[in-house]
Each structure stands twice: as C-alpha cells, then as structure tokens.
ModelCIF file with pLDDT and N, C-alpha, C, O atoms, coordinates in Angstrom:
data_MODEL
#
_entry.id   MODEL 
#
_entity.id                         1 
_entity.type                       polymer 
_entity.pdbx_number_of_molecules   1 
#
_entity_poly.entity_id                      1 
_entity_poly.type                           'polypeptide(L)' 
_entity_poly.nstd_linkage                   no 
_entity_poly.nstd_monomer                   no 
_entity_poly.pdbx_seq_one_letter_code       SSAVTAMGLVAGTKDRGINIAAVDVQTDAINALKNGGIEALAAQSG 
_entity_poly.pdbx_seq_one_letter_code_can   SSAVTAMGLVAGTKDRGINIAAVDVQTDAINALKNGGIEALAAQSG 
_entity_poly.pdbx_strand_id                 A 
#
loop_
_entity_poly_seq.entity_id 
_entity_poly_seq.num 
_entity_poly_seq.mon_id 
_entity_poly_seq.hetero 
1 1  SER n 
1 2  SER n 
1 3  ALA n 
1 4  VAL n 
1 5  THR n 
1 6  ALA n 
1 7  MET n 
1 8  GLY n 
1 9  LEU n 
1 10 VAL n 
1 11 ALA n 
1 12 GLY n 
1 13 THR n 
1 14 LYS n 
1 15 ASP n 
1 16 ARG n 
1 17 GLY n 
1 18 ILE n 
1 19 ASN n 
1 20 ILE n 
1 21 ALA n 
1 22 ALA n 
1 23 VAL n 
1 24 ASP n 
1 25 VAL n 
1 26 GLN n 
1 27 THR n 
1 28 ASP n 
1 29 ALA n 
1 30 ILE n 
1 31 ASN n 
1 32 ALA n 
1 33 LEU n 
1 34 LYS n 
1 35 ASN n 
1 36 GLY n 
1 37 GLY n 
1 38 ILE n 
1 39 GLU n 
1 40 ALA n 
1 41 LEU n 
1 42 ALA n 
1 43 ALA n 
1 44 GLN n 
1 45 SER n 
1 46 GLY n 
#
_struct_asym.id          A 
_struct_asym.entity_id   1 
#
loop_
_ma_qa_metric.id 
_ma_qa_metric.mode 
_ma_qa_metric.name 
_ma_qa_metric.software_group_id 
_ma_qa_metric.type 
1 global pLDDT . pLDDT 
2 local  pLDDT . pLDDT 
#
_ma_qa_metric_global.metric_id      1 
_ma_qa_metric_global.metric_value   89.61 
_ma_qa_metric_global.model_id       1 
_ma_qa_metric_global.ordinal_id     1 
#
loop_
_ma_qa_metric_local.label_asym_id 
_ma_qa_metric_local.label_comp_id 
_ma_qa_metric_local.label_seq_id 
_ma_qa_metric_local.metric_id 
_ma_qa_metric_local.metric_value 
_ma_qa_metric_local.model_id 
_ma_qa_metric_local.ordinal_id 
A SER 1  2 88.00 1 1  
A SER 2  2 85.00 1 2  
A ALA 3  2 85.00 1 3  
A VAL 4  2 83.00 1 4  
A THR 5  2 84.00 1 5  
A ALA 6  2 87.00 1 6  
A MET 7  2 86.00 1 7  
A GLY 8  2 83.00 1 8  
A LEU 9  2 87.00 1 9  
A VAL 10 2 88.00 1 10 
A ALA 11 2 85.00 1 11 
A GLY 12 2 85.00 1 12 
A THR 13 2 88.00 1 13 
A LYS 14 2 84.00 1 14 
A ASP 15 2 82.00 1 15 
A ARG 16 2 87.00 1 16 
A GLY 17 2 88.00 1 17 
A ILE 18 2 93.00 1 18 
A ASN 19 2 95.00 1 19 
A ILE 20 2 95.00 1 20 
A ALA 21 2 96.00 1 21 
A ALA 22 2 93.00 1 22 
A VAL 23 2 93.00 1 23 
A ASP 24 2 87.00 1 24 
A VAL 25 2 85.00 1 25 
A GLN 26 2 85.00 1 26 
A THR 27 2 88.00 1 27 
A ASP 28 2 89.00 1 28 
A ALA 29 2 90.00 1 29 
A ILE 30 2 92.00 1 30 
A ASN 31 2 92.00 1 31 
A ALA 32 2 92.00 1 32 
A LEU 33 2 94.00 1 33 
A LYS 34 2 92.00 1 34 
A ASN 35 2 90.00 1 35 
A GLY 36 2 91.00 1 36 
A GLY 37 2 92.00 1 37 
A ILE 38 2 94.00 1 38 
A GLU 39 2 95.00 1 39 
A ALA 40 2 96.00 1 40 
A LEU 41 2 96.00 1 41 
A ALA 42 2 96.00 1 42 
A ALA 43 2 94.00 1 43 
A GLN 44 2 90.00 1 44 
A SER 45 2 90.00 1 45 
A GLY 46 2 92.00 1 46 
#
loop_
_atom_site.group_PDB 
_atom_site.id 
_atom_site.type_symbol 
_atom_site.label_atom_id 
_atom_site.label_alt_id 
_atom_site.label_comp_id 
_atom_site.label_asym_id 
_atom_site.label_entity_id 
_atom_site.label_seq_id 
_atom_site.pdbx_PDB_ins_code 
_atom_site.Cartn_x 
_atom_site.Cartn_y 
_atom_site.Cartn_z 
_atom_site.occupancy 
_atom_site.B_iso_or_equiv 
_atom_site.pdbx_formal_charge 
_atom_site.auth_seq_id 
_atom_site.auth_comp_id 
_atom_site.auth_asym_id 
_atom_site.auth_atom_id 
_atom_site.pdbx_PDB_model_num 
ATOM 1   N N  . SER A 1 1  ? 0.718  -0.962  -0.061  1.00 88.00 ? 1  SER A N  1 
ATOM 2   C CA . SER A 1 1  ? -0.203 0.005   0.127   1.00 88.00 ? 1  SER A CA 1 
ATOM 3   C C  . SER A 1 1  ? 1.098  0.885   0.126   1.00 88.00 ? 1  SER A C  1 
ATOM 4   O O  . SER A 1 1  ? 0.684  1.910   0.669   1.00 88.00 ? 1  SER A O  1 
ATOM 5   N N  . SER A 1 2  ? 2.480  1.107   -0.172  1.00 85.00 ? 2  SER A N  1 
ATOM 6   C CA . SER A 1 2  ? 2.856  2.512   -0.267  1.00 85.00 ? 2  SER A CA 1 
ATOM 7   C C  . SER A 1 2  ? 4.583  1.930   -0.899  1.00 85.00 ? 2  SER A C  1 
ATOM 8   O O  . SER A 1 2  ? 5.120  0.862   -0.603  1.00 85.00 ? 2  SER A O  1 
ATOM 9   N N  . ALA A 1 3  ? 5.145  3.020   -1.814  1.00 85.00 ? 3  ALA A N  1 
ATOM 10  C CA . ALA A 1 3  ? 5.910  2.269   -2.779  1.00 85.00 ? 3  ALA A CA 1 
ATOM 11  C C  . ALA A 1 3  ? 6.707  2.292   -1.953  1.00 85.00 ? 3  ALA A C  1 
ATOM 12  O O  . ALA A 1 3  ? 7.565  1.665   -2.574  1.00 85.00 ? 3  ALA A O  1 
ATOM 13  N N  . VAL A 1 4  ? 7.339  2.586   -0.655  1.00 83.00 ? 4  VAL A N  1 
ATOM 14  C CA . VAL A 1 4  ? 8.115  2.121   -0.144  1.00 83.00 ? 4  VAL A CA 1 
ATOM 15  C C  . VAL A 1 4  ? 8.492  0.990   0.523   1.00 83.00 ? 4  VAL A C  1 
ATOM 16  O O  . VAL A 1 4  ? 9.577  0.424   0.657   1.00 83.00 ? 4  VAL A O  1 
ATOM 17  N N  . THR A 1 5  ? 7.400  0.772   0.909   1.00 84.00 ? 5  THR A N  1 
ATOM 18  C CA . THR A 1 5  ? 7.176  -1.205  1.798   1.00 84.00 ? 5  THR A CA 1 
ATOM 19  C C  . THR A 1 5  ? 8.059  -1.562  0.357   1.00 84.00 ? 5  THR A C  1 
ATOM 20  O O  . THR A 1 5  ? 9.156  -2.093  0.186   1.00 84.00 ? 5  THR A O  1 
ATOM 21  N N  . ALA A 1 6  ? 7.112  -1.047  -0.517  1.00 87.00 ? 6  ALA A N  1 
ATOM 22  C CA . ALA A 1 6  ? 7.572  -2.303  -2.434  1.00 87.00 ? 6  ALA A CA 1 
ATOM 23  C C  . ALA A 1 6  ? 8.820  -2.303  -2.529  1.00 87.00 ? 6  ALA A C  1 
ATOM 24  O O  . ALA A 1 6  ? 9.353  -3.371  -2.834  1.00 87.00 ? 6  ALA A O  1 
ATOM 25  N N  . MET A 1 7  ? 9.398  -1.485  -2.369  1.00 86.00 ? 7  MET A N  1 
ATOM 26  C CA . MET A 1 7  ? 11.010 -1.332  -2.479  1.00 86.00 ? 7  MET A CA 1 
ATOM 27  C C  . MET A 1 7  ? 11.983 -2.437  -1.742  1.00 86.00 ? 7  MET A C  1 
ATOM 28  O O  . MET A 1 7  ? 13.122 -2.553  -2.194  1.00 86.00 ? 7  MET A O  1 
ATOM 29  N N  . GLY A 1 8  ? 11.705 -3.002  -0.970  1.00 83.00 ? 8  GLY A N  1 
ATOM 30  C CA . GLY A 1 8  ? 12.057 -4.021  0.253   1.00 83.00 ? 8  GLY A CA 1 
ATOM 31  C C  . GLY A 1 8  ? 11.037 -5.342  0.024   1.00 83.00 ? 8  GLY A C  1 
ATOM 32  O O  . GLY A 1 8  ? 10.927 -6.073  1.008   1.00 83.00 ? 8  GLY A O  1 
ATOM 33  N N  . LEU A 1 9  ? 10.339 -5.687  -1.086  1.00 87.00 ? 9  LEU A N  1 
ATOM 34  C CA . LEU A 1 9  ? 10.141 -6.309  -1.735  1.00 87.00 ? 9  LEU A CA 1 
ATOM 35  C C  . LEU A 1 9  ? 9.816  -6.752  -3.551  1.00 87.00 ? 9  LEU A C  1 
ATOM 36  O O  . LEU A 1 9  ? 9.128  -7.584  -4.142  1.00 87.00 ? 9  LEU A O  1 
ATOM 37  N N  . VAL A 1 10 ? 11.032 -5.335  -4.029  1.00 88.00 ? 10 VAL A N  1 
ATOM 38  C CA . VAL A 1 10 ? 11.591 -5.778  -5.401  1.00 88.00 ? 10 VAL A CA 1 
ATOM 39  C C  . VAL A 1 10 ? 12.610 -6.970  -4.887  1.00 88.00 ? 10 VAL A C  1 
ATOM 40  O O  . VAL A 1 10 ? 12.840 -8.142  -5.186  1.00 88.00 ? 10 VAL A O  1 
ATOM 41  N N  . ALA A 1 11 ? 13.102 -5.960  -3.912  1.00 85.00 ? 11 ALA A N  1 
ATOM 42  C CA . ALA A 1 11 ? 14.370 -6.975  -3.487  1.00 85.00 ? 11 ALA A CA 1 
ATOM 43  C C  . ALA A 1 11 ? 14.548 -7.655  -2.759  1.00 85.00 ? 11 ALA A C  1 
ATOM 44  O O  . ALA A 1 11 ? 15.703 -8.013  -2.530  1.00 85.00 ? 11 ALA A O  1 
ATOM 45  N N  . GLY A 1 12 ? 13.148 -8.301  -1.838  1.00 85.00 ? 12 GLY A N  1 
ATOM 46  C CA . GLY A 1 12 ? 13.890 -9.774  -1.259  1.00 85.00 ? 12 GLY A CA 1 
ATOM 47  C C  . GLY A 1 12 ? 13.142 -11.002 -2.508  1.00 85.00 ? 12 GLY A C  1 
ATOM 48  O O  . GLY A 1 12 ? 13.609 -12.139 -2.584  1.00 85.00 ? 12 GLY A O  1 
ATOM 49  N N  . THR A 1 13 ? 12.168 -10.628 -3.245  1.00 88.00 ? 13 THR A N  1 
ATOM 50  C CA . THR A 1 13 ? 11.530 -11.565 -4.314  1.00 88.00 ? 13 THR A CA 1 
ATOM 51  C C  . THR A 1 13 ? 12.225 -11.058 -6.063  1.00 88.00 ? 13 THR A C  1 
ATOM 52  O O  . THR A 1 13 ? 11.858 -11.215 -7.227  1.00 88.00 ? 13 THR A O  1 
ATOM 53  N N  . LYS A 1 14 ? 13.080 -10.575 -5.545  1.00 84.00 ? 14 LYS A N  1 
ATOM 54  C CA . LYS A 1 14 ? 13.729 -10.894 -7.252  1.00 84.00 ? 14 LYS A CA 1 
ATOM 55  C C  . LYS A 1 14 ? 13.915 -11.711 -7.654  1.00 84.00 ? 14 LYS A C  1 
ATOM 56  O O  . LYS A 1 14 ? 13.877 -12.640 -6.848  1.00 84.00 ? 14 LYS A O  1 
ATOM 57  N N  . ASP A 1 15 ? 14.181 -12.027 -8.799  1.00 82.00 ? 15 ASP A N  1 
ATOM 58  C CA . ASP A 1 15 ? 14.065 -13.560 -8.757  1.00 82.00 ? 15 ASP A CA 1 
ATOM 59  C C  . ASP A 1 15 ? 12.887 -14.561 -8.812  1.00 82.00 ? 15 ASP A C  1 
ATOM 60  O O  . ASP A 1 15 ? 12.963 -15.779 -8.974  1.00 82.00 ? 15 ASP A O  1 
ATOM 61  N N  . ARG A 1 16 ? 12.102 -14.020 -8.693  1.00 87.00 ? 16 ARG A N  1 
ATOM 62  C CA . ARG A 1 16 ? 10.632 -14.957 -7.991  1.00 87.00 ? 16 ARG A CA 1 
ATOM 63  C C  . ARG A 1 16 ? 9.275  -15.496 -8.503  1.00 87.00 ? 16 ARG A C  1 
ATOM 64  O O  . ARG A 1 16 ? 8.302  -16.208 -8.255  1.00 87.00 ? 16 ARG A O  1 
ATOM 65  N N  . GLY A 1 17 ? 9.896  -14.643 -9.417  1.00 88.00 ? 17 GLY A N  1 
ATOM 66  C CA . GLY A 1 17 ? 8.261  -14.378 -10.293 1.00 88.00 ? 17 GLY A CA 1 
ATOM 67  C C  . GLY A 1 17 ? 6.847  -14.010 -9.736  1.00 88.00 ? 17 GLY A C  1 
ATOM 68  O O  . GLY A 1 17 ? 5.819  -14.596 -10.077 1.00 88.00 ? 17 GLY A O  1 
ATOM 69  N N  . ILE A 1 18 ? 6.916  -12.730 -8.630  1.00 93.00 ? 18 ILE A N  1 
ATOM 70  C CA . ILE A 1 18 ? 6.132  -12.943 -7.927  1.00 93.00 ? 18 ILE A CA 1 
ATOM 71  C C  . ILE A 1 18 ? 5.992  -10.861 -8.235  1.00 93.00 ? 18 ILE A C  1 
ATOM 72  O O  . ILE A 1 18 ? 6.806  -9.958  -8.041  1.00 93.00 ? 18 ILE A O  1 
ATOM 73  N N  . ASN A 1 19 ? 4.914  -10.868 -8.637  1.00 95.00 ? 19 ASN A N  1 
ATOM 74  C CA . ASN A 1 19 ? 4.584  -9.413  -9.639  1.00 95.00 ? 19 ASN A CA 1 
ATOM 75  C C  . ASN A 1 19 ? 3.898  -8.411  -8.842  1.00 95.00 ? 19 ASN A C  1 
ATOM 76  O O  . ASN A 1 19 ? 3.078  -9.051  -8.184  1.00 95.00 ? 19 ASN A O  1 
ATOM 77  N N  . ILE A 1 20 ? 3.810  -7.331  -8.586  1.00 95.00 ? 20 ILE A N  1 
ATOM 78  C CA . ILE A 1 20 ? 4.166  -5.963  -7.565  1.00 95.00 ? 20 ILE A CA 1 
ATOM 79  C C  . ILE A 1 20 ? 3.493  -5.562  -7.693  1.00 95.00 ? 20 ILE A C  1 
ATOM 80  O O  . ILE A 1 20 ? 3.388  -5.472  -8.917  1.00 95.00 ? 20 ILE A O  1 
ATOM 81  N N  . ALA A 1 21 ? 2.398  -4.927  -7.063  1.00 96.00 ? 21 ALA A N  1 
ATOM 82  C CA . ALA A 1 21 ? 2.054  -3.617  -6.832  1.00 96.00 ? 21 ALA A CA 1 
ATOM 83  C C  . ALA A 1 21 ? 2.204  -3.023  -6.209  1.00 96.00 ? 21 ALA A C  1 
ATOM 84  O O  . ALA A 1 21 ? 2.566  -3.477  -5.124  1.00 96.00 ? 21 ALA A O  1 
ATOM 85  N N  . ALA A 1 22 ? 2.008  -0.966  -6.397  1.00 93.00 ? 22 ALA A N  1 
ATOM 86  C CA . ALA A 1 22 ? 2.372  -0.446  -5.579  1.00 93.00 ? 22 ALA A CA 1 
ATOM 87  C C  . ALA A 1 22 ? 1.315  0.458   -5.500  1.00 93.00 ? 22 ALA A C  1 
ATOM 88  O O  . ALA A 1 22 ? 0.348  0.525   -6.260  1.00 93.00 ? 22 ALA A O  1 
ATOM 89  N N  . VAL A 1 23 ? 1.600  1.247   -4.388  1.00 93.00 ? 23 VAL A N  1 
ATOM 90  C CA . VAL A 1 23 ? 0.730  2.673   -5.066  1.00 93.00 ? 23 VAL A CA 1 
ATOM 91  C C  . VAL A 1 23 ? 2.318  3.440   -4.725  1.00 93.00 ? 23 VAL A C  1 
ATOM 92  O O  . VAL A 1 23 ? 3.442  2.980   -4.525  1.00 93.00 ? 23 VAL A O  1 
ATOM 93  N N  . ASP A 1 24 ? 1.517  5.391   -4.799  1.00 87.00 ? 24 ASP A N  1 
ATOM 94  C CA . ASP A 1 24 ? 2.759  6.740   -4.619  1.00 87.00 ? 24 ASP A CA 1 
ATOM 95  C C  . ASP A 1 24 ? 4.274  6.383   -5.805  1.00 87.00 ? 24 ASP A C  1 
ATOM 96  O O  . ASP A 1 24 ? 4.973  5.383   -5.966  1.00 87.00 ? 24 ASP A O  1 
ATOM 97  N N  . VAL A 1 25 ? 4.268  7.422   -6.279  1.00 85.00 ? 25 VAL A N  1 
ATOM 98  C CA . VAL A 1 25 ? 5.514  7.812   -7.239  1.00 85.00 ? 25 VAL A CA 1 
ATOM 99  C C  . VAL A 1 25 ? 7.271  8.366   -6.605  1.00 85.00 ? 25 VAL A C  1 
ATOM 100 O O  . VAL A 1 25 ? 7.856  9.346   -6.143  1.00 85.00 ? 25 VAL A O  1 
ATOM 101 N N  . GLN A 1 26 ? 7.470  7.056   -6.967  1.00 85.00 ? 26 GLN A N  1 
ATOM 102 C CA . GLN A 1 26 ? 9.005  8.083   -6.429  1.00 85.00 ? 26 GLN A CA 1 
ATOM 103 C C  . GLN A 1 26 ? 9.636  7.422   -7.626  1.00 85.00 ? 26 GLN A C  1 
ATOM 104 O O  . GLN A 1 26 ? 9.106  6.806   -8.550  1.00 85.00 ? 26 GLN A O  1 
ATOM 105 N N  . THR A 1 27 ? 11.221 7.775   -7.319  1.00 88.00 ? 27 THR A N  1 
ATOM 106 C CA . THR A 1 27 ? 12.416 7.426   -8.533  1.00 88.00 ? 27 THR A CA 1 
ATOM 107 C C  . THR A 1 27 ? 12.176 5.594   -8.054  1.00 88.00 ? 27 THR A C  1 
ATOM 108 O O  . THR A 1 27 ? 11.296 4.992   -8.669  1.00 88.00 ? 27 THR A O  1 
ATOM 109 N N  . ASP A 1 28 ? 12.570 5.219   -7.530  1.00 89.00 ? 28 ASP A N  1 
ATOM 110 C CA . ASP A 1 28 ? 13.187 3.499   -7.113  1.00 89.00 ? 28 ASP A CA 1 
ATOM 111 C C  . ASP A 1 28 ? 12.300 3.135   -7.950  1.00 89.00 ? 28 ASP A C  1 
ATOM 112 O O  . ASP A 1 28 ? 12.439 2.697   -9.092  1.00 89.00 ? 28 ASP A O  1 
ATOM 113 N N  . ALA A 1 29 ? 10.987 3.412   -7.087  1.00 90.00 ? 29 ALA A N  1 
ATOM 114 C CA . ALA A 1 29 ? 8.995  2.734   -7.673  1.00 90.00 ? 29 ALA A CA 1 
ATOM 115 C C  . ALA A 1 29 ? 9.250  3.209   -9.355  1.00 90.00 ? 29 ALA A C  1 
ATOM 116 O O  . ALA A 1 29 ? 9.146  2.117   -9.914  1.00 90.00 ? 29 ALA A O  1 
ATOM 117 N N  . ILE A 1 30 ? 9.496  4.133   -10.345 1.00 92.00 ? 30 ILE A N  1 
ATOM 118 C CA . ILE A 1 30 ? 9.350  4.503   -11.345 1.00 92.00 ? 30 ILE A CA 1 
ATOM 119 C C  . ILE A 1 30 ? 11.121 2.897   -11.996 1.00 92.00 ? 30 ILE A C  1 
ATOM 120 O O  . ILE A 1 30 ? 11.329 2.098   -12.910 1.00 92.00 ? 30 ILE A O  1 
ATOM 121 N N  . ASN A 1 31 ? 11.508 3.175   -11.274 1.00 92.00 ? 31 ASN A N  1 
ATOM 122 C CA . ASN A 1 31 ? 12.667 2.347   -12.495 1.00 92.00 ? 31 ASN A CA 1 
ATOM 123 C C  . ASN A 1 31 ? 11.954 1.068   -12.534 1.00 92.00 ? 31 ASN A C  1 
ATOM 124 O O  . ASN A 1 31 ? 11.583 0.490   -13.555 1.00 92.00 ? 31 ASN A O  1 
ATOM 125 N N  . ALA A 1 32 ? 11.728 0.501   -10.759 1.00 92.00 ? 32 ALA A N  1 
ATOM 126 C CA . ALA A 1 32 ? 11.871 -0.507  -10.705 1.00 92.00 ? 32 ALA A CA 1 
ATOM 127 C C  . ALA A 1 32 ? 10.493 -1.132  -11.894 1.00 92.00 ? 32 ALA A C  1 
ATOM 128 O O  . ALA A 1 32 ? 10.384 -2.344  -12.082 1.00 92.00 ? 32 ALA A O  1 
ATOM 129 N N  . LEU A 1 33 ? 9.749  -0.342  -12.444 1.00 94.00 ? 33 LEU A N  1 
ATOM 130 C CA . LEU A 1 33 ? 8.597  -0.367  -12.932 1.00 94.00 ? 33 LEU A CA 1 
ATOM 131 C C  . LEU A 1 33 ? 8.786  -0.875  -13.944 1.00 94.00 ? 33 LEU A C  1 
ATOM 132 O O  . LEU A 1 33 ? 8.441  -1.972  -14.382 1.00 94.00 ? 33 LEU A O  1 
ATOM 133 N N  . LYS A 1 34 ? 10.029 0.882   -14.847 1.00 92.00 ? 34 LYS A N  1 
ATOM 134 C CA . LYS A 1 34 ? 10.533 0.066   -16.364 1.00 92.00 ? 34 LYS A CA 1 
ATOM 135 C C  . LYS A 1 34 ? 11.374 -1.240  -15.911 1.00 92.00 ? 34 LYS A C  1 
ATOM 136 O O  . LYS A 1 34 ? 11.897 -1.778  -16.887 1.00 92.00 ? 34 LYS A O  1 
ATOM 137 N N  . ASN A 1 35 ? 11.608 -1.812  -14.829 1.00 90.00 ? 35 ASN A N  1 
ATOM 138 C CA . ASN A 1 35 ? 13.048 -2.747  -15.148 1.00 90.00 ? 35 ASN A CA 1 
ATOM 139 C C  . ASN A 1 35 ? 11.991 -3.974  -15.611 1.00 90.00 ? 35 ASN A C  1 
ATOM 140 O O  . ASN A 1 35 ? 12.373 -4.928  -16.288 1.00 90.00 ? 35 ASN A O  1 
ATOM 141 N N  . GLY A 1 36 ? 10.524 -3.798  -15.118 1.00 91.00 ? 36 GLY A N  1 
ATOM 142 C CA . GLY A 1 36 ? 9.798  -4.954  -14.192 1.00 91.00 ? 36 GLY A CA 1 
ATOM 143 C C  . GLY A 1 36 ? 10.237 -5.651  -13.124 1.00 91.00 ? 36 GLY A C  1 
ATOM 144 O O  . GLY A 1 36 ? 10.606 -6.812  -13.293 1.00 91.00 ? 36 GLY A O  1 
ATOM 145 N N  . GLY A 1 37 ? 10.267 -5.099  -11.934 1.00 92.00 ? 37 GLY A N  1 
ATOM 146 C CA . GLY A 1 37 ? 11.003 -5.151  -10.819 1.00 92.00 ? 37 GLY A CA 1 
ATOM 147 C C  . GLY A 1 37 ? 9.449  -4.909  -10.461 1.00 92.00 ? 37 GLY A C  1 
ATOM 148 O O  . GLY A 1 37 ? 9.261  -5.684  -9.523  1.00 92.00 ? 37 GLY A O  1 
ATOM 149 N N  . ILE A 1 38 ? 8.542  -4.405  -10.655 1.00 94.00 ? 38 ILE A N  1 
ATOM 150 C CA . ILE A 1 38 ? 6.964  -4.119  -10.615 1.00 94.00 ? 38 ILE A CA 1 
ATOM 151 C C  . ILE A 1 38 ? 5.362  -4.618  -11.470 1.00 94.00 ? 38 ILE A C  1 
ATOM 152 O O  . ILE A 1 38 ? 4.403  -4.852  -12.205 1.00 94.00 ? 38 ILE A O  1 
ATOM 153 N N  . GLU A 1 39 ? 5.692  -4.565  -11.123 1.00 95.00 ? 39 GLU A N  1 
ATOM 154 C CA . GLU A 1 39 ? 3.641  -5.336  -12.160 1.00 95.00 ? 39 GLU A CA 1 
ATOM 155 C C  . GLU A 1 39 ? 3.095  -3.669  -12.993 1.00 95.00 ? 39 GLU A C  1 
ATOM 156 O O  . GLU A 1 39 ? 3.227  -3.268  -14.150 1.00 95.00 ? 39 GLU A O  1 
ATOM 157 N N  . ALA A 1 40 ? 2.339  -2.920  -11.515 1.00 96.00 ? 40 ALA A N  1 
ATOM 158 C CA . ALA A 1 40 ? 1.732  -1.850  -11.813 1.00 96.00 ? 40 ALA A CA 1 
ATOM 159 C C  . ALA A 1 40 ? 2.299  -0.646  -10.522 1.00 96.00 ? 40 ALA A C  1 
ATOM 160 O O  . ALA A 1 40 ? 2.981  -0.476  -9.511  1.00 96.00 ? 40 ALA A O  1 
ATOM 161 N N  . LEU A 1 41 ? 1.231  0.056   -11.691 1.00 96.00 ? 41 LEU A N  1 
ATOM 162 C CA . LEU A 1 41 ? 2.017  1.791   -9.431  1.00 96.00 ? 41 LEU A CA 1 
ATOM 163 C C  . LEU A 1 41 ? 1.189  2.309   -10.075 1.00 96.00 ? 41 LEU A C  1 
ATOM 164 O O  . LEU A 1 41 ? 1.063  2.478   -11.288 1.00 96.00 ? 41 LEU A O  1 
ATOM 165 N N  . ALA A 1 42 ? 0.036  2.825   -8.405  1.00 96.00 ? 42 ALA A N  1 
ATOM 166 C CA . ALA A 1 42 ? -0.654 3.788   -8.833  1.00 96.00 ? 42 ALA A CA 1 
ATOM 167 C C  . ALA A 1 42 ? 0.332  5.752   -8.494  1.00 96.00 ? 42 ALA A C  1 
ATOM 168 O O  . ALA A 1 42 ? 1.251  6.453   -8.071  1.00 96.00 ? 42 ALA A O  1 
ATOM 169 N N  . ALA A 1 43 ? -0.536 5.616   -8.942  1.00 94.00 ? 43 ALA A N  1 
ATOM 170 C CA . ALA A 1 43 ? 0.919  7.181   -10.034 1.00 94.00 ? 43 ALA A CA 1 
ATOM 171 C C  . ALA A 1 43 ? -0.366 7.482   -8.693  1.00 94.00 ? 43 ALA A C  1 
ATOM 172 O O  . ALA A 1 43 ? -1.494 7.064   -8.957  1.00 94.00 ? 43 ALA A O  1 
ATOM 173 N N  . GLN A 1 44 ? -0.124 8.309   -7.085  1.00 90.00 ? 44 GLN A N  1 
ATOM 174 C CA . GLN A 1 44 ? -1.219 8.867   -6.932  1.00 90.00 ? 44 GLN A CA 1 
ATOM 175 C C  . GLN A 1 44 ? 0.289  9.785   -6.596  1.00 90.00 ? 44 GLN A C  1 
ATOM 176 O O  . GLN A 1 44 ? 1.451  9.407   -6.448  1.00 90.00 ? 44 GLN A O  1 
ATOM 177 N N  . SER A 1 45 ? -0.744 11.972  -6.537  1.00 90.00 ? 45 SER A N  1 
ATOM 178 C CA . SER A 1 45 ? 0.793  13.040  -7.076  1.00 90.00 ? 45 SER A CA 1 
ATOM 179 C C  . SER A 1 45 ? 0.899  13.221  -6.038  1.00 90.00 ? 45 SER A C  1 
ATOM 180 O O  . SER A 1 45 ? -0.272 13.468  -5.749  1.00 90.00 ? 45 SER A O  1 
ATOM 181 N N  . GLY A 1 46 ? 1.874  13.366  -4.434  1.00 92.00 ? 46 GLY A N  1 
ATOM 182 C CA . GLY A 1 46 ? 1.204  14.286  -3.419  1.00 92.00 ? 46 GLY A CA 1 
ATOM 183 C C  . GLY A 1 46 ? 1.417  15.518  -3.502  1.00 92.00 ? 46 GLY A C  1 
ATOM 184 O O  . GLY A 1 46 ? 0.892  16.290  -2.700  1.00 92.00 ? 46 GLY A O  1 
#
C-alpha cells in the first residue's frame, strides 16, 4: 500500500516470479516498474 514498502519486496522477491503492485510514484519505484520489478504502480501525486 506504499511504494517505500514495495521496494523491500522488490529486493526480496527478485527472480522469484512474484508480481508486485504498489502505491505512490517515487524515483526508485518508477525505475523498478521500468525494469520489471513492479507490475503496476498507482501514481498518486502528493
């Protein structure tokens, strides 16, 4: 439910074939989406 939390998931599930969805746009989450680490991101604009 937040992108900060999601980044720990991205690191911990790498190469495990687990799809991750998260909330909030921040630089590392945007990059994770571009690189396939996140499947979907809700772009809530703070």
